[in-house]
Protein backbone atom coordinates (compact mmCIF):
# COMPACT_ATOMS: atom_id res chain seq x y z
CA MET A 1 -118.13 17.93 102.09
CA ALA A 2 -117.12 14.10 101.50
CA ASP A 3 -113.72 14.87 101.85
CA SER A 4 -112.56 18.39 103.32
CA LYS A 5 -108.75 17.53 103.31
CA LEU A 6 -107.16 20.58 101.52
CA THR A 7 -104.83 18.31 99.03
CA HIS A 8 -102.95 21.48 97.99
CA ILE A 9 -101.16 21.38 101.70
CA ASP A 10 -98.95 18.81 102.46
CA GLN A 11 -98.01 17.18 105.78
CA ALA A 12 -95.72 20.04 106.56
CA GLY A 13 -98.17 22.92 106.22
CA GLU A 14 -96.71 23.71 102.76
CA ALA A 15 -98.18 24.08 99.63
CA HIS A 16 -97.39 21.44 96.70
CA MET A 17 -98.79 20.71 93.48
CA VAL A 18 -101.05 17.47 94.18
CA ASP A 19 -99.01 14.07 92.29
CA VAL A 20 -102.13 12.89 89.46
CA GLY A 21 -99.74 10.49 87.87
CA ASP A 22 -101.49 7.49 89.35
CA LYS A 23 -104.68 8.55 88.71
CA ALA A 24 -106.79 7.19 86.22
CA GLU A 25 -108.07 8.95 83.10
CA THR A 26 -111.58 9.34 82.91
CA ALA A 27 -113.99 12.11 80.96
CA ARG A 28 -114.26 15.25 83.17
CA SER A 29 -116.17 18.46 83.02
CA ALA A 30 -117.41 21.61 84.86
CA THR A 31 -119.81 24.57 83.75
CA ALA A 32 -119.37 27.92 86.02
CA GLU A 33 -121.43 31.06 86.02
CA GLY A 34 -121.19 34.78 86.43
CA PHE A 35 -122.79 37.68 85.17
CA VAL A 36 -122.17 41.50 84.38
CA ARG A 37 -124.46 43.97 85.70
CA MET A 38 -124.39 47.05 83.80
CA LEU A 39 -126.99 50.13 82.92
CA PRO A 40 -129.71 49.62 80.64
CA GLU A 41 -128.18 52.16 77.99
CA THR A 42 -125.15 50.19 78.72
CA LEU A 43 -126.70 47.16 77.35
CA ALA A 44 -128.18 48.68 74.58
CA LEU A 45 -125.14 49.85 73.22
CA ILE A 46 -123.63 46.30 73.27
CA ARG A 47 -126.99 44.81 71.77
CA GLU A 48 -126.70 47.02 68.86
CA GLY A 49 -122.91 46.90 68.53
CA ASN A 50 -122.24 50.37 68.97
CA ALA A 51 -119.54 49.84 72.03
CA LYS A 52 -116.74 51.93 71.04
CA LYS A 53 -114.40 49.19 71.19
CA GLY A 54 -116.40 46.88 68.88
CA ASP A 55 -117.65 43.60 69.45
CA VAL A 56 -118.06 43.40 73.00
CA ILE A 57 -119.84 39.42 73.05
CA GLY A 58 -117.57 38.23 70.41
CA THR A 59 -114.02 39.43 71.59
CA ALA A 60 -115.47 38.68 75.32
CA ARG A 61 -116.31 35.18 74.10
CA LEU A 62 -112.90 34.83 72.39
CA ALA A 63 -111.15 36.09 75.56
CA GLY A 64 -112.86 33.24 77.74
CA ILE A 65 -111.91 30.71 75.44
CA MET A 66 -108.09 31.75 75.38
CA ALA A 67 -108.20 31.95 79.41
CA ALA A 68 -108.99 28.68 79.92
CA LYS A 69 -106.03 27.43 77.97
CA LYS A 70 -103.74 29.76 80.15
CA THR A 71 -105.40 28.76 83.85
CA SER A 72 -102.18 27.21 85.06
CA ASP A 73 -100.50 30.07 84.26
CA LEU A 74 -102.73 32.11 85.93
CA ILE A 75 -103.66 29.73 89.16
CA PRO A 76 -100.67 28.64 91.30
CA LEU A 77 -100.51 24.52 91.61
CA CYS A 78 -102.82 23.78 88.96
CA HIS A 79 -102.10 21.20 86.53
CA PRO A 80 -101.49 21.78 82.50
CA LEU A 81 -104.48 20.46 80.83
CA MET A 82 -105.06 19.21 77.40
CA LEU A 83 -108.91 20.52 76.69
CA THR A 84 -111.35 18.65 74.75
CA LYS A 85 -113.87 21.20 74.45
CA VAL A 86 -114.30 25.02 75.67
CA SER A 87 -117.43 26.76 75.42
CA VAL A 88 -118.92 30.15 76.71
CA GLU A 89 -122.46 31.34 76.04
CA ILE A 90 -123.26 34.87 77.22
CA LEU A 91 -126.72 35.88 77.20
CA GLU A 92 -128.74 38.89 77.58
CA ASP A 93 -130.69 39.28 80.63
CA ASP A 94 -132.95 42.37 81.12
CA SER A 95 -133.81 41.51 84.49
CA LEU A 96 -130.16 41.91 85.78
CA PRO A 97 -129.87 44.19 83.43
CA GLY A 98 -126.41 42.74 81.88
CA LEU A 99 -125.18 39.67 80.61
CA ARG A 100 -125.43 35.95 82.15
CA VAL A 101 -122.23 34.18 81.26
CA THR A 102 -121.89 30.29 81.43
CA ALA A 103 -119.33 28.23 80.82
CA THR A 104 -118.03 24.63 80.28
CA ALA A 105 -114.63 23.21 79.98
CA LYS A 106 -114.20 19.61 78.59
CA LEU A 107 -111.17 16.71 78.65
CA THR A 108 -110.13 13.53 79.34
CA GLY A 109 -107.44 13.17 82.12
CA ARG A 110 -106.41 12.77 85.67
CA THR A 111 -107.54 16.43 87.16
CA GLY A 112 -110.42 17.86 87.09
CA VAL A 113 -111.66 21.15 85.04
CA GLU A 114 -113.46 23.35 87.60
CA MET A 115 -110.83 25.93 87.88
CA GLU A 116 -110.70 26.44 83.97
CA ALA A 117 -114.19 26.62 83.75
CA LEU A 118 -114.34 29.59 86.40
CA THR A 119 -111.34 30.84 84.61
CA VAL A 120 -113.51 31.13 81.84
CA VAL A 121 -116.08 33.13 83.02
CA SER A 122 -113.97 35.30 85.12
CA VAL A 123 -111.94 36.68 82.08
CA THR A 124 -115.08 36.65 80.12
CA CYS A 125 -116.80 38.77 82.12
CA LEU A 126 -113.84 41.25 82.70
CA THR A 127 -113.69 41.50 79.22
CA ILE A 128 -117.16 42.46 78.92
CA TYR A 129 -116.58 44.89 81.44
CA ASP A 130 -113.53 46.47 79.72
CA MET A 131 -115.08 46.64 76.21
CA ALA A 132 -117.74 48.68 77.81
CA LYS A 133 -115.83 50.72 80.26
CA ALA A 134 -116.02 53.97 78.55
CA ALA A 135 -120.14 53.67 78.82
CA ASP A 136 -120.27 52.40 82.51
CA LYS A 137 -117.84 52.31 84.49
CA ALA A 138 -120.21 51.13 88.18
CA MET A 139 -121.05 47.98 86.34
CA GLU A 140 -120.48 44.81 88.50
CA ILE A 141 -118.98 41.66 88.04
CA GLY A 142 -120.57 38.78 90.22
CA GLY A 143 -122.28 35.67 90.75
CA ILE A 144 -119.02 33.54 89.70
CA ARG A 145 -119.83 30.24 90.71
CA LEU A 146 -119.39 25.99 89.88
CA LEU A 147 -122.54 24.86 88.57
CA GLU A 148 -121.60 21.44 88.23
CA LYS A 149 -118.88 19.06 87.64
CA THR A 150 -118.52 15.58 86.52
CA GLY A 151 -115.80 12.74 86.98
CA GLY A 152 -112.95 11.76 88.78
CA LYS A 153 -112.69 10.10 92.09
CA SER A 154 -115.35 13.11 94.18
CA GLY A 155 -117.86 12.25 91.06
CA HIS A 156 -120.56 14.55 90.39
CA TYR A 157 -121.34 17.63 91.64
CA LYS A 158 -124.40 19.90 90.74
CA ALA A 159 -125.09 23.49 92.86
């Protein structure tokens, strides 16, 4: 890592919110991914729209977008951000079997949106689980990670 200093820990070793007031506003984006592994029969229920709670993919997408806007309420020391774009892609993957979730968050601002993208993926996956748990309590959520981020002082990152 180019700069391994923990920015949310002050010189006394205490947690604090980083002052971003003097940072330049730049276009920033972050993309994250994750998955929900499930039984093939559960994936078929979701595909056919037969889950007891309704539209799994549509509800999960909406939950993810809503979560992006609440990230600073969920993650201590995160700044509230004025997001300009949040997108969520949920694709079937028969090789899991299950659903792969990819989310992108964007803004022009003084701090990055990595936590927002990761929160979107996490809540989207949790919502998929909640919507389909009646059919498959053994579903597995995993692989949640940052794929790419752009903008800001630290520059471009790609996994």
